[in-house]
Each structure stands twice: as structure tokens, then as C-alpha cells.
Amino acid sequence: MKYCKNQKGIALVTALLITLISLAIIMAVIYFVTQGTKISSLEKRYQTALDASYGGVEIITKDIIPQTIGGTALSSLVSSFPATYQGMISRQVTDACFTDKMTKSTSNWATGCSTTITDVKATYDFKVTLSGIAPQPNFTVYAKVVDTVKGNTDTSGLVLEGTGVAESGSGIVTPQHFPYTYRVEIQGERQTNPDERANLSALYAY
């Protein structure tokens, strides 16, 4: 009974328990703060890659499609760009294949024109190098047309088709417009870190 009633050291045990609980709370706080910082950093890097991918969409929809839909070869178009712009663009699709993609329905593309969307980086039509803000590495944006719905857009070398509507009293038939529609897959990534990337699927009507 003498030893059971001896409370010597209880204060030390209590202090150790409180210290242990405090350490656990502090570790939890540090963990959540660290995770929050990591998530913020990941979101920032993803947003940068996403902006680069949007840049790729701008290039293909404003500089490539409008000038190649009439049958202009992709290589000729790139050669007509300023020298600094030419250095940004690298293509692996053939002129014949890209012309088919611009002017024909997917089912009528030449044999060998890839429609796969699973690995745009490996089977891209062309890629564009976008400069990062120094001293950050550059971004590479891979672009690929994977599907085309042929329309009757009035462009050089193309003939309007479709059901027309005659203007009252004029005898002129105005064809109903069906735009060419393209599905484009885009992947933008940091050159030194492929995990820092963003993928986009764009549907473009011309």
C-alpha cells in the first residue's frame, strides 16, 4: 500500500504527455502548411503549362489553319514566316497529310495520317517552342489535328456546297454555310520537366 499511494514522478509523466501532444499538434500544423505550399506550387506550375497550351491553340487557329485550308503546304507556310518564328516551329507531319487534314474529312485522309489521341507528344503534327521567362526553361507545345468534318467554307480552291436559298427577286442562290470543323489535341510541357504539362482538346470551326 505504501508504493501504491506514492505519487512521486506523476508531474513528470503529465509533463511528458502534454509535450507529446503539443509536438503532435505542431507536426500536424507543419504538415498541412507544407502540403498547402506544395499544392499552391503545383497549381502555379500547371497554370503556366496551361497558358503555354493556350498559346499553341492560338498559333494553330490564327496562323496555321486559315492559311493552309486552301491547300497551302505547311512547309511553305512555315518558310514564309519571319526567321525568328520559323525557329520556333518544327513539324513531322508531311505536307500531303496536313493538306488532307485541312481539306478532307477524316475518313478520306491519306493512309498513314495518324488520328490517335493517346500520345500527342509522340505523334504530333508540329510543335512550337515558347520562351519561358528568364531564367525559367522554355515550353514545348505539341499540336495535332485528329479529326476533320468537311464543310463548304468559301476559300481558294474550294467550292461551296449545300442547300441554297434564293434571295427574293434577285435570282441569286446563297448556299447554306457549313464550316470546316477541326478537333485539335494540344499538349504543352516544360522542356526540363515533362511532368509540368497541360493537355487541351480544341474544337475549331472555320
N, C-alpha and C. Protein backbone atom coordinates (compact mmCIF):
# COMPACT_ATOMS: atom_id res chain seq x y z
N MET A 1 0.84 -1.20 0.00
CA MET A 1 0.00 0.00 0.00
C MET A 1 0.87 1.25 0.00
N LYS A 2 2.05 1.10 0.55
CA LYS A 2 2.96 2.24 0.61
C LYS A 2 3.33 2.69 -0.80
N TYR A 3 3.63 1.69 -1.70
CA TYR A 3 4.05 2.05 -3.06
C TYR A 3 2.88 2.49 -3.92
N CYS A 4 1.68 1.94 -3.70
CA CYS A 4 0.52 2.31 -4.48
C CYS A 4 0.11 3.76 -4.25
N LYS A 5 0.31 4.26 -3.05
CA LYS A 5 -0.05 5.62 -2.71
C LYS A 5 1.06 6.62 -3.00
N ASN A 6 2.19 6.15 -3.48
CA ASN A 6 3.31 7.03 -3.78
C ASN A 6 3.08 7.70 -5.14
N GLN A 7 2.92 9.01 -5.17
CA GLN A 7 2.64 9.75 -6.40
C GLN A 7 3.86 10.53 -6.90
N LYS A 8 5.02 10.17 -6.43
CA LYS A 8 6.23 10.83 -6.89
C LYS A 8 6.44 10.54 -8.38
N GLY A 9 6.75 11.57 -9.20
CA GLY A 9 7.00 11.43 -10.64
C GLY A 9 5.78 11.62 -11.50
N ILE A 10 4.58 11.76 -10.93
CA ILE A 10 3.37 11.94 -11.73
C ILE A 10 3.41 13.24 -12.51
N ALA A 11 4.01 14.26 -11.93
CA ALA A 11 4.12 15.55 -12.63
C ALA A 11 5.00 15.42 -13.87
N LEU A 12 6.06 14.61 -13.75
CA LEU A 12 6.95 14.40 -14.90
C LEU A 12 6.21 13.68 -16.03
N VAL A 13 5.46 12.63 -15.66
CA VAL A 13 4.70 11.89 -16.66
C VAL A 13 3.67 12.79 -17.33
N THR A 14 2.98 13.60 -16.54
CA THR A 14 1.98 14.53 -17.10
C THR A 14 2.64 15.52 -18.06
N ALA A 15 3.80 16.04 -17.63
CA ALA A 15 4.52 17.00 -18.48
C ALA A 15 4.95 16.36 -19.80
N LEU A 16 5.39 15.11 -19.74
CA LEU A 16 5.81 14.40 -20.95
C LEU A 16 4.62 14.16 -21.88
N LEU A 17 3.47 13.80 -21.31
CA LEU A 17 2.27 13.60 -22.13
C LEU A 17 1.84 14.90 -22.82
N ILE A 18 1.87 16.00 -22.08
CA ILE A 18 1.49 17.30 -22.66
C ILE A 18 2.47 17.70 -23.76
N THR A 19 3.75 17.43 -23.51
CA THR A 19 4.77 17.74 -24.52
C THR A 19 4.55 16.91 -25.78
N LEU A 20 4.23 15.62 -25.59
CA LEU A 20 3.99 14.74 -26.73
C LEU A 20 2.79 15.21 -27.55
N ILE A 21 1.72 15.59 -26.84
CA ILE A 21 0.53 16.09 -27.53
C ILE A 21 0.84 17.38 -28.28
N SER A 22 1.60 18.27 -27.66
CA SER A 22 1.98 19.54 -28.28
C SER A 22 2.81 19.30 -29.54
N LEU A 23 3.75 18.35 -29.43
CA LEU A 23 4.58 18.02 -30.59
C LEU A 23 3.74 17.47 -31.73
N ALA A 24 2.76 16.63 -31.39
CA ALA A 24 1.88 16.07 -32.42
C ALA A 24 1.08 17.17 -33.12
N ILE A 25 0.59 18.13 -32.34
CA ILE A 25 -0.16 19.24 -32.92
C ILE A 25 0.74 20.08 -33.82
N ILE A 26 1.94 20.38 -33.34
CA ILE A 26 2.88 21.19 -34.12
C ILE A 26 3.25 20.47 -35.43
N MET A 27 3.51 19.16 -35.35
CA MET A 27 3.84 18.40 -36.55
C MET A 27 2.69 18.39 -37.54
N ALA A 28 1.45 18.29 -37.04
CA ALA A 28 0.28 18.31 -37.92
C ALA A 28 0.17 19.66 -38.62
N VAL A 29 0.39 20.74 -37.86
CA VAL A 29 0.32 22.08 -38.45
C VAL A 29 1.39 22.25 -39.53
N ILE A 30 2.62 21.81 -39.23
CA ILE A 30 3.72 21.92 -40.20
C ILE A 30 3.39 21.09 -41.45
N TYR A 31 2.81 19.91 -41.27
CA TYR A 31 2.46 19.05 -42.40
C TYR A 31 1.45 19.73 -43.32
N PHE A 32 0.38 20.28 -42.71
CA PHE A 32 -0.66 20.91 -43.52
C PHE A 32 -0.15 22.17 -44.21
N VAL A 33 0.72 22.93 -43.53
CA VAL A 33 1.30 24.12 -44.16
C VAL A 33 2.17 23.72 -45.34
N THR A 34 2.98 22.66 -45.14
CA THR A 34 3.86 22.18 -46.21
C THR A 34 3.06 21.67 -47.39
N GLN A 35 2.01 20.89 -47.11
CA GLN A 35 1.16 20.37 -48.19
C GLN A 35 0.47 21.50 -48.94
N GLY A 36 0.03 22.51 -48.20
CA GLY A 36 -0.61 23.65 -48.84
C GLY A 36 0.34 24.39 -49.77
N THR A 37 1.61 24.51 -49.33
CA THR A 37 2.62 25.15 -50.17
C THR A 37 2.87 24.34 -51.43
N LYS A 38 2.96 23.01 -51.27
CA LYS A 38 3.18 22.13 -52.43
C LYS A 38 2.03 22.23 -53.42
N ILE A 39 0.80 22.22 -52.91
CA ILE A 39 -0.37 22.29 -53.79
C ILE A 39 -0.39 23.62 -54.53
N SER A 40 -0.08 24.71 -53.82
CA SER A 40 -0.05 26.03 -54.47
C SER A 40 1.00 26.07 -55.56
N SER A 41 2.15 25.46 -55.28
CA SER A 41 3.23 25.41 -56.27
C SER A 41 2.82 24.59 -57.49
N LEU A 42 2.17 23.45 -57.24
CA LEU A 42 1.71 22.60 -58.35
C LEU A 42 0.68 23.34 -59.20
N GLU A 43 -0.24 24.04 -58.55
CA GLU A 43 -1.27 24.78 -59.27
C GLU A 43 -0.64 25.88 -60.12
N LYS A 44 0.39 26.54 -59.57
CA LYS A 44 1.06 27.61 -60.30
C LYS A 44 1.78 27.05 -61.53
N ARG A 45 2.47 25.91 -61.37
CA ARG A 45 3.18 25.30 -62.49
C ARG A 45 2.20 24.80 -63.54
N TYR A 46 1.07 24.23 -63.08
CA TYR A 46 0.06 23.76 -64.03
C TYR A 46 -0.53 24.94 -64.81
N GLN A 47 -0.78 26.04 -64.13
CA GLN A 47 -1.36 27.20 -64.79
C GLN A 47 -0.41 27.74 -65.85
N THR A 48 0.90 27.70 -65.56
CA THR A 48 1.88 28.16 -66.54
C THR A 48 1.88 27.25 -67.76
N ALA A 49 1.84 25.93 -67.53
CA ALA A 49 1.78 24.99 -68.66
C ALA A 49 0.48 25.15 -69.43
N LEU A 50 -0.60 25.43 -68.73
CA LEU A 50 -1.90 25.63 -69.39
C LEU A 50 -1.86 26.87 -70.28
N ASP A 51 -1.24 27.93 -69.79
CA ASP A 51 -1.11 29.14 -70.60
C ASP A 51 -0.30 28.86 -71.87
N ALA A 52 0.75 28.04 -71.74
CA ALA A 52 1.55 27.67 -72.91
C ALA A 52 0.69 26.88 -73.91
N SER A 53 -0.15 25.98 -73.41
CA SER A 53 -1.03 25.21 -74.29
C SER A 53 -2.02 26.11 -75.02
N TYR A 54 -2.54 27.10 -74.30
CA TYR A 54 -3.43 28.07 -74.95
C TYR A 54 -2.69 28.83 -76.05
N GLY A 55 -1.41 29.09 -75.82
CA GLY A 55 -0.61 29.73 -76.86
C GLY A 55 -0.53 28.88 -78.11
N GLY A 56 -0.41 27.56 -77.92
CA GLY A 56 -0.40 26.64 -79.06
C GLY A 56 -1.71 26.67 -79.82
N VAL A 57 -2.82 26.76 -79.09
CA VAL A 57 -4.14 26.85 -79.73
C VAL A 57 -4.22 28.12 -80.57
N GLU A 58 -3.71 29.23 -80.03
CA GLU A 58 -3.74 30.50 -80.77
C GLU A 58 -2.96 30.39 -82.08
N ILE A 59 -1.81 29.74 -82.02
CA ILE A 59 -0.97 29.63 -83.22
C ILE A 59 -1.65 28.81 -84.30
N ILE A 60 -2.21 27.66 -83.93
CA ILE A 60 -2.81 26.79 -84.95
C ILE A 60 -4.11 27.38 -85.49
N THR A 61 -4.88 28.08 -84.66
CA THR A 61 -6.17 28.60 -85.12
C THR A 61 -6.05 29.95 -85.83
N LYS A 62 -5.00 30.69 -85.56
CA LYS A 62 -4.87 32.01 -86.18
C LYS A 62 -3.79 32.08 -87.26
N ASP A 63 -2.75 31.25 -87.12
CA ASP A 63 -1.63 31.33 -88.06
C ASP A 63 -1.52 30.13 -88.99
N ILE A 64 -2.07 28.98 -88.61
CA ILE A 64 -1.88 27.76 -89.41
C ILE A 64 -3.12 27.42 -90.23
N ILE A 65 -4.24 27.16 -89.56
CA ILE A 65 -5.44 26.69 -90.27
C ILE A 65 -5.93 27.68 -91.33
N PRO A 66 -6.10 28.97 -91.01
CA PRO A 66 -6.64 29.88 -92.03
C PRO A 66 -5.80 29.95 -93.30
N GLN A 67 -4.49 29.69 -93.19
CA GLN A 67 -3.63 29.82 -94.36
C GLN A 67 -3.35 28.50 -95.06
N THR A 68 -3.72 27.39 -94.45
CA THR A 68 -3.49 26.09 -95.09
C THR A 68 -4.77 25.42 -95.56
N ILE A 69 -5.92 25.94 -95.16
CA ILE A 69 -7.18 25.31 -95.54
C ILE A 69 -7.39 25.36 -97.05
N GLY A 70 -6.78 26.34 -97.71
CA GLY A 70 -6.91 26.45 -99.15
C GLY A 70 -5.96 25.55 -99.92
N GLY A 71 -5.15 24.75 -99.21
CA GLY A 71 -4.25 23.82 -99.87
C GLY A 71 -2.79 24.21 -99.80
N THR A 72 -2.47 25.33 -99.14
CA THR A 72 -1.07 25.74 -99.00
C THR A 72 -0.31 24.71 -98.17
N ALA A 73 0.85 24.30 -98.65
CA ALA A 73 1.65 23.31 -97.93
C ALA A 73 2.14 23.89 -96.61
N LEU A 74 2.15 23.06 -95.57
CA LEU A 74 2.58 23.52 -94.26
C LEU A 74 4.03 23.99 -94.30
N SER A 75 4.89 23.28 -95.03
CA SER A 75 6.30 23.67 -95.10
C SER A 75 6.45 25.03 -95.77
N SER A 76 5.65 25.29 -96.80
CA SER A 76 5.71 26.59 -97.48
C SER A 76 5.25 27.71 -96.56
N LEU A 77 4.21 27.41 -95.78
CA LEU A 77 3.70 28.41 -94.85
C LEU A 77 4.76 28.76 -93.81
N VAL A 78 5.36 27.73 -93.22
CA VAL A 78 6.37 27.96 -92.19
C VAL A 78 7.56 28.74 -92.77
N SER A 79 7.93 28.43 -94.01
CA SER A 79 9.05 29.12 -94.65
C SER A 79 8.76 30.59 -94.88
N SER A 80 7.47 30.94 -94.97
CA SER A 80 7.11 32.33 -95.20
C SER A 80 7.11 33.16 -93.92
N PHE A 81 7.19 32.50 -92.77
CA PHE A 81 7.21 33.22 -91.51
C PHE A 81 8.56 33.91 -91.31
N PRO A 82 8.63 34.95 -90.47
CA PRO A 82 9.91 35.56 -90.12
C PRO A 82 10.87 34.52 -89.55
N ALA A 83 12.16 34.76 -89.70
CA ALA A 83 13.17 33.78 -89.30
C ALA A 83 13.03 33.38 -87.83
N THR A 84 12.76 34.34 -86.96
CA THR A 84 12.63 34.01 -85.53
C THR A 84 11.44 33.11 -85.28
N TYR A 85 10.37 33.30 -86.05
CA TYR A 85 9.16 32.49 -85.90
C TYR A 85 9.40 31.09 -86.45
N GLN A 86 10.14 31.01 -87.58
CA GLN A 86 10.45 29.71 -88.16
C GLN A 86 11.21 28.84 -87.16
N GLY A 87 12.11 29.44 -86.41
CA GLY A 87 12.91 28.69 -85.45
C GLY A 87 12.10 28.12 -84.31
N MET A 88 10.89 28.65 -84.12
CA MET A 88 10.03 28.16 -83.03
C MET A 88 9.25 26.93 -83.44
N ILE A 89 9.05 26.73 -84.75
CA ILE A 89 8.16 25.68 -85.23
C ILE A 89 8.93 24.52 -85.84
N SER A 90 8.59 23.33 -85.43
CA SER A 90 9.17 22.12 -86.00
C SER A 90 8.04 21.16 -86.35
N ARG A 91 8.04 20.62 -87.57
CA ARG A 91 6.95 19.75 -87.98
C ARG A 91 7.47 18.35 -88.28
N GLN A 92 6.59 17.35 -88.10
CA GLN A 92 6.93 16.00 -88.51
C GLN A 92 5.85 15.40 -89.41
N VAL A 93 4.72 16.09 -89.54
CA VAL A 93 3.68 15.66 -90.46
C VAL A 93 4.10 16.04 -91.88
N THR A 94 3.74 15.22 -92.86
CA THR A 94 4.07 15.54 -94.25
C THR A 94 3.10 16.60 -94.77
N ASP A 95 3.54 17.30 -95.81
CA ASP A 95 2.67 18.31 -96.40
C ASP A 95 1.38 17.69 -96.93
N ALA A 96 1.51 16.53 -97.59
CA ALA A 96 0.32 15.87 -98.16
C ALA A 96 -0.68 15.50 -97.07
N CYS A 97 -0.17 14.96 -95.97
CA CYS A 97 -1.05 14.55 -94.88
C CYS A 97 -1.73 15.76 -94.25
N PHE A 98 -0.97 16.83 -94.01
CA PHE A 98 -1.57 18.00 -93.36
C PHE A 98 -2.58 18.67 -94.29
N THR A 99 -2.30 18.68 -95.58
CA THR A 99 -3.27 19.23 -96.53
C THR A 99 -4.56 18.43 -96.50
N ASP A 100 -4.44 17.09 -96.41
CA ASP A 100 -5.64 16.25 -96.29
C ASP A 100 -6.41 16.60 -95.02
N LYS A 101 -5.68 16.81 -93.94
CA LYS A 101 -6.34 17.13 -92.67
C LYS A 101 -7.09 18.46 -92.75
N MET A 102 -6.57 19.39 -93.53
CA MET A 102 -7.20 20.69 -93.64
C MET A 102 -8.38 20.70 -94.62
N THR A 103 -8.35 19.86 -95.63
CA THR A 103 -9.32 19.98 -96.72
C THR A 103 -10.25 18.78 -96.90
N LYS A 104 -10.01 17.68 -96.18
CA LYS A 104 -10.82 16.48 -96.38
C LYS A 104 -11.37 15.97 -95.05
N SER A 105 -12.45 15.23 -95.15
CA SER A 105 -12.99 14.56 -93.97
C SER A 105 -12.00 13.50 -93.49
N THR A 106 -12.07 13.17 -92.21
CA THR A 106 -11.11 12.24 -91.61
C THR A 106 -11.04 10.92 -92.37
N SER A 107 -12.18 10.42 -92.80
CA SER A 107 -12.21 9.12 -93.49
C SER A 107 -11.49 9.16 -94.83
N ASN A 108 -11.26 10.33 -95.35
CA ASN A 108 -10.61 10.46 -96.66
C ASN A 108 -9.14 10.88 -96.57
N TRP A 109 -8.61 10.93 -95.35
CA TRP A 109 -7.19 11.26 -95.21
C TRP A 109 -6.34 10.16 -95.84
N ALA A 110 -5.16 10.54 -96.27
CA ALA A 110 -4.24 9.57 -96.87
C ALA A 110 -3.84 8.52 -95.84
N THR A 111 -3.52 7.34 -96.32
CA THR A 111 -3.07 6.27 -95.44
C THR A 111 -1.80 6.72 -94.72
N GLY A 112 -1.79 6.52 -93.42
CA GLY A 112 -0.62 6.93 -92.63
C GLY A 112 -0.83 8.20 -91.85
N CYS A 113 -1.90 8.94 -92.15
CA CYS A 113 -2.22 10.13 -91.37
C CYS A 113 -2.78 9.69 -90.02
N SER A 114 -2.07 9.98 -88.97
CA SER A 114 -2.44 9.48 -87.65
C SER A 114 -3.62 10.25 -87.07
N THR A 115 -4.54 9.49 -86.46
CA THR A 115 -5.68 10.08 -85.77
C THR A 115 -5.65 9.78 -84.27
N THR A 116 -4.60 9.11 -83.82
CA THR A 116 -4.54 8.73 -82.41
C THR A 116 -4.45 9.95 -81.50
N ILE A 117 -5.11 9.88 -80.36
CA ILE A 117 -5.08 10.99 -79.42
C ILE A 117 -4.44 10.59 -78.10
N THR A 118 -3.95 9.36 -78.01
CA THR A 118 -3.41 8.86 -76.75
C THR A 118 -2.03 9.40 -76.43
N ASP A 119 -1.24 9.71 -77.45
CA ASP A 119 0.12 10.20 -77.22
C ASP A 119 0.44 11.29 -78.23
N VAL A 120 -0.05 12.49 -77.96
CA VAL A 120 0.15 13.61 -78.88
C VAL A 120 1.62 13.95 -79.02
N LYS A 121 2.37 13.82 -77.93
CA LYS A 121 3.79 14.17 -77.95
C LYS A 121 4.56 13.31 -78.94
N ALA A 122 4.21 12.05 -79.06
CA ALA A 122 4.95 11.14 -79.94
C ALA A 122 4.49 11.24 -81.38
N THR A 123 3.24 11.66 -81.60
CA THR A 123 2.68 11.64 -82.96
C THR A 123 2.18 13.02 -83.38
N TYR A 124 2.79 14.07 -82.87
CA TYR A 124 2.33 15.42 -83.16
C TYR A 124 2.46 15.76 -84.65
N ASP A 125 1.65 16.71 -85.11
CA ASP A 125 1.80 17.26 -86.46
C ASP A 125 2.95 18.25 -86.48
N PHE A 126 2.93 19.15 -85.52
CA PHE A 126 4.05 20.09 -85.39
C PHE A 126 4.15 20.53 -83.93
N LYS A 127 5.29 21.05 -83.58
CA LYS A 127 5.50 21.53 -82.22
C LYS A 127 6.04 22.95 -82.27
N VAL A 128 5.74 23.68 -81.22
CA VAL A 128 6.15 25.08 -81.13
C VAL A 128 6.91 25.28 -79.82
N THR A 129 8.04 25.96 -79.88
CA THR A 129 8.82 26.27 -78.70
C THR A 129 8.48 27.68 -78.25
N LEU A 130 8.00 27.81 -77.03
CA LEU A 130 7.65 29.11 -76.46
C LEU A 130 8.65 29.45 -75.36
N SER A 131 9.18 30.64 -75.41
CA SER A 131 10.21 31.05 -74.46
C SER A 131 9.62 31.27 -73.08
N GLY A 132 10.31 30.72 -72.08
CA GLY A 132 9.91 30.96 -70.71
C GLY A 132 10.51 32.27 -70.21
N ILE A 133 9.99 32.76 -69.11
CA ILE A 133 10.52 33.98 -68.52
C ILE A 133 11.86 33.64 -67.87
N ALA A 134 12.93 34.29 -68.33
CA ALA A 134 14.27 34.02 -67.81
C ALA A 134 14.28 34.14 -66.29
N PRO A 135 14.99 33.22 -65.61
CA PRO A 135 15.83 32.14 -66.14
C PRO A 135 15.09 30.80 -66.29
N GLN A 136 13.77 30.84 -66.37
CA GLN A 136 13.00 29.61 -66.46
C GLN A 136 13.17 28.96 -67.84
N PRO A 137 13.16 27.61 -67.90
CA PRO A 137 13.28 26.90 -69.18
C PRO A 137 12.08 27.17 -70.09
N ASN A 138 12.25 26.89 -71.37
CA ASN A 138 11.19 27.10 -72.35
C ASN A 138 10.10 26.02 -72.23
N PHE A 139 9.00 26.28 -72.92
CA PHE A 139 7.92 25.31 -73.04
C PHE A 139 7.88 24.78 -74.47
N THR A 140 7.51 23.52 -74.61
CA THR A 140 7.26 22.94 -75.91
C THR A 140 5.78 22.58 -76.00
N VAL A 141 5.14 23.05 -77.05
CA VAL A 141 3.70 22.78 -77.26
C VAL A 141 3.55 21.89 -78.48
N TYR A 142 2.95 20.72 -78.28
CA TYR A 142 2.72 19.76 -79.35
C TYR A 142 1.27 19.89 -79.82
N ALA A 143 1.07 19.95 -81.14
CA ALA A 143 -0.27 20.13 -81.70
C ALA A 143 -0.55 19.07 -82.76
N LYS A 144 -1.79 18.60 -82.77
CA LYS A 144 -2.15 17.55 -83.72
C LYS A 144 -3.64 17.64 -84.07
N VAL A 145 -3.93 17.67 -85.36
CA VAL A 145 -5.32 17.62 -85.83
C VAL A 145 -5.72 16.14 -85.90
N VAL A 146 -6.75 15.77 -85.16
CA VAL A 146 -7.14 14.35 -85.08
C VAL A 146 -8.46 14.05 -85.76
N ASP A 147 -9.21 15.10 -86.14
CA ASP A 147 -10.50 14.84 -86.79
C ASP A 147 -10.92 16.08 -87.58
N THR A 148 -11.48 15.84 -88.76
CA THR A 148 -11.95 16.93 -89.61
C THR A 148 -13.34 16.60 -90.13
N VAL A 149 -14.24 17.56 -90.01
CA VAL A 149 -15.56 17.47 -90.63
C VAL A 149 -15.57 18.49 -91.76
N LYS A 150 -15.65 17.99 -92.99
CA LYS A 150 -15.57 18.88 -94.15
C LYS A 150 -16.79 19.77 -94.24
N GLY A 151 -16.54 21.04 -94.58
CA GLY A 151 -17.62 21.99 -94.75
C GLY A 151 -17.62 22.57 -96.15
N ASN A 152 -18.22 23.73 -96.29
CA ASN A 152 -18.25 24.39 -97.60
C ASN A 152 -17.80 25.84 -97.50
N THR A 153 -16.89 26.10 -96.58
CA THR A 153 -16.35 27.44 -96.41
C THR A 153 -15.75 27.93 -97.73
N ASP A 154 -16.06 29.16 -98.09
CA ASP A 154 -15.61 29.72 -99.35
C ASP A 154 -14.14 30.15 -99.25
N THR A 155 -13.24 29.27 -99.66
CA THR A 155 -11.82 29.58 -99.66
C THR A 155 -11.24 29.25 -101.03
N SER A 156 -10.04 29.71 -101.25
CA SER A 156 -9.39 29.49 -102.55
C SER A 156 -9.30 28.01 -102.85
N GLY A 157 -9.80 27.62 -104.02
CA GLY A 157 -9.72 26.23 -104.46
C GLY A 157 -10.83 25.36 -103.95
N LEU A 158 -11.73 25.91 -103.12
CA LEU A 158 -12.84 25.13 -102.60
C LEU A 158 -14.15 25.64 -103.17
N VAL A 159 -15.10 24.73 -103.38
CA VAL A 159 -16.39 25.07 -103.98
C VAL A 159 -17.47 24.96 -102.92
N LEU A 160 -18.32 25.96 -102.82
CA LEU A 160 -19.41 25.91 -101.87
C LEU A 160 -20.40 24.83 -102.26
N GLU A 161 -20.87 24.12 -101.23
CA GLU A 161 -21.84 23.07 -101.46
C GLU A 161 -22.96 23.23 -100.45
N GLY A 162 -24.09 22.61 -100.74
CA GLY A 162 -25.17 22.64 -99.77
C GLY A 162 -26.44 23.21 -100.35
N THR A 163 -27.50 23.14 -99.55
CA THR A 163 -28.80 23.63 -99.99
C THR A 163 -28.81 25.14 -99.99
N GLY A 164 -29.20 25.73 -101.10
CA GLY A 164 -29.19 27.19 -101.20
C GLY A 164 -30.55 27.80 -101.00
N VAL A 165 -30.55 29.10 -100.73
CA VAL A 165 -31.78 29.85 -100.56
C VAL A 165 -31.71 31.05 -101.50
N ALA A 166 -32.67 31.18 -102.41
CA ALA A 166 -32.65 32.28 -103.38
C ALA A 166 -33.09 33.57 -102.71
N GLU A 167 -32.34 34.64 -102.97
CA GLU A 167 -32.73 35.94 -102.47
C GLU A 167 -33.94 36.43 -103.27
N SER A 168 -34.90 37.03 -102.58
CA SER A 168 -36.15 37.46 -103.20
C SER A 168 -35.89 38.43 -104.36
N GLY A 169 -36.35 38.03 -105.55
CA GLY A 169 -36.29 38.91 -106.70
C GLY A 169 -34.93 39.01 -107.36
N SER A 170 -33.90 38.40 -106.80
CA SER A 170 -32.57 38.55 -107.36
C SER A 170 -32.16 37.38 -108.22
N GLY A 171 -32.72 36.20 -107.95
CA GLY A 171 -32.32 35.01 -108.68
C GLY A 171 -30.99 34.46 -108.24
N ILE A 172 -30.38 35.07 -107.21
CA ILE A 172 -29.08 34.62 -106.70
C ILE A 172 -29.31 33.63 -105.57
N VAL A 173 -28.65 32.50 -105.66
CA VAL A 173 -28.77 31.48 -104.62
C VAL A 173 -27.58 31.60 -103.67
N THR A 174 -27.86 31.80 -102.40
CA THR A 174 -26.81 31.87 -101.38
C THR A 174 -26.72 30.52 -100.67
N PRO A 175 -25.63 29.79 -100.84
CA PRO A 175 -25.53 28.47 -100.21
C PRO A 175 -25.55 28.56 -98.69
N GLN A 176 -26.14 27.57 -98.08
CA GLN A 176 -26.12 27.47 -96.63
C GLN A 176 -24.71 27.13 -96.18
N HIS A 177 -24.21 27.85 -95.21
CA HIS A 177 -22.82 27.68 -94.81
C HIS A 177 -22.66 26.56 -93.77
N PHE A 178 -21.77 25.63 -94.09
CA PHE A 178 -21.37 24.59 -93.15
C PHE A 178 -19.85 24.71 -92.96
N PRO A 179 -19.41 25.17 -91.81
CA PRO A 179 -17.98 25.41 -91.64
C PRO A 179 -17.18 24.12 -91.56
N TYR A 180 -15.93 24.21 -91.96
CA TYR A 180 -15.00 23.13 -91.69
C TYR A 180 -14.78 23.09 -90.18
N THR A 181 -14.82 21.90 -89.61
CA THR A 181 -14.66 21.76 -88.16
C THR A 181 -13.49 20.84 -87.88
N TYR A 182 -12.59 21.29 -87.03
CA TYR A 182 -11.38 20.53 -86.71
C TYR A 182 -11.32 20.26 -85.21
N ARG A 183 -10.91 19.06 -84.88
CA ARG A 183 -10.60 18.73 -83.49
C ARG A 183 -9.09 18.69 -83.36
N VAL A 184 -8.56 19.50 -82.47
CA VAL A 184 -7.11 19.62 -82.31
C VAL A 184 -6.73 19.24 -80.88
N GLU A 185 -5.75 18.35 -80.76
CA GLU A 185 -5.22 17.97 -79.45
C GLU A 185 -3.92 18.75 -79.22
N ILE A 186 -3.81 19.33 -78.02
CA ILE A 186 -2.66 20.17 -77.66
C ILE A 186 -2.05 19.66 -76.36
N GLN A 187 -0.73 19.58 -76.31
CA GLN A 187 -0.04 19.27 -75.06
C GLN A 187 1.13 20.22 -74.91
N GLY A 188 1.09 21.00 -73.83
CA GLY A 188 2.19 21.92 -73.53
C GLY A 188 2.94 21.45 -72.30
N GLU A 189 4.26 21.46 -72.35
CA GLU A 189 5.04 21.00 -71.20
C GLU A 189 6.36 21.75 -71.09
N ARG A 190 6.88 21.81 -69.87
CA ARG A 190 8.18 22.43 -69.63
C ARG A 190 9.26 21.52 -70.20
N GLN A 191 10.22 22.09 -70.91
CA GLN A 191 11.24 21.28 -71.57
C GLN A 191 12.06 20.46 -70.58
N THR A 192 12.33 21.01 -69.41
CA THR A 192 13.18 20.32 -68.45
C THR A 192 12.39 19.46 -67.46
N ASN A 193 11.05 19.52 -67.55
CA ASN A 193 10.23 18.76 -66.61
C ASN A 193 8.93 18.36 -67.28
N PRO A 194 8.90 17.20 -67.97
CA PRO A 194 7.70 16.75 -68.68
C PRO A 194 6.48 16.58 -67.80
N ASP A 195 6.70 16.42 -66.47
CA ASP A 195 5.55 16.28 -65.57
C ASP A 195 4.80 17.60 -65.42
N GLU A 196 5.46 18.69 -65.76
CA GLU A 196 4.83 20.00 -65.68
C GLU A 196 4.16 20.29 -67.03
N ARG A 197 2.94 19.77 -67.21
CA ARG A 197 2.29 19.85 -68.51
C ARG A 197 0.78 20.05 -68.37
N ALA A 198 0.18 20.40 -69.49
CA ALA A 198 -1.27 20.57 -69.55
C ALA A 198 -1.76 20.14 -70.92
N ASN A 199 -2.89 19.44 -70.96
CA ASN A 199 -3.46 18.94 -72.21
C ASN A 199 -4.79 19.65 -72.50
N LEU A 200 -5.01 19.94 -73.76
CA LEU A 200 -6.24 20.59 -74.19
C LEU A 200 -6.81 19.88 -75.41
N SER A 201 -8.13 19.86 -75.52
CA SER A 201 -8.81 19.44 -76.73
C SER A 201 -9.60 20.64 -77.23
N ALA A 202 -9.29 21.07 -78.45
CA ALA A 202 -9.94 22.25 -79.01
C ALA A 202 -10.80 21.87 -80.21
N LEU A 203 -11.97 22.44 -80.29
CA LEU A 203 -12.85 22.25 -81.44
C LEU A 203 -12.94 23.61 -82.15
N TYR A 204 -12.48 23.62 -83.40
CA TYR A 204 -12.36 24.88 -84.14
C TYR A 204 -13.15 24.80 -85.43
N ALA A 205 -14.02 25.77 -85.64
CA ALA A 205 -14.82 25.84 -86.85
C ALA A 205 -14.35 27.02 -87.69
N TYR A 206 -14.15 26.77 -88.99
CA TYR A 206 -13.66 27.83 -89.88
C TYR A 206 -14.58 27.96 -91.07
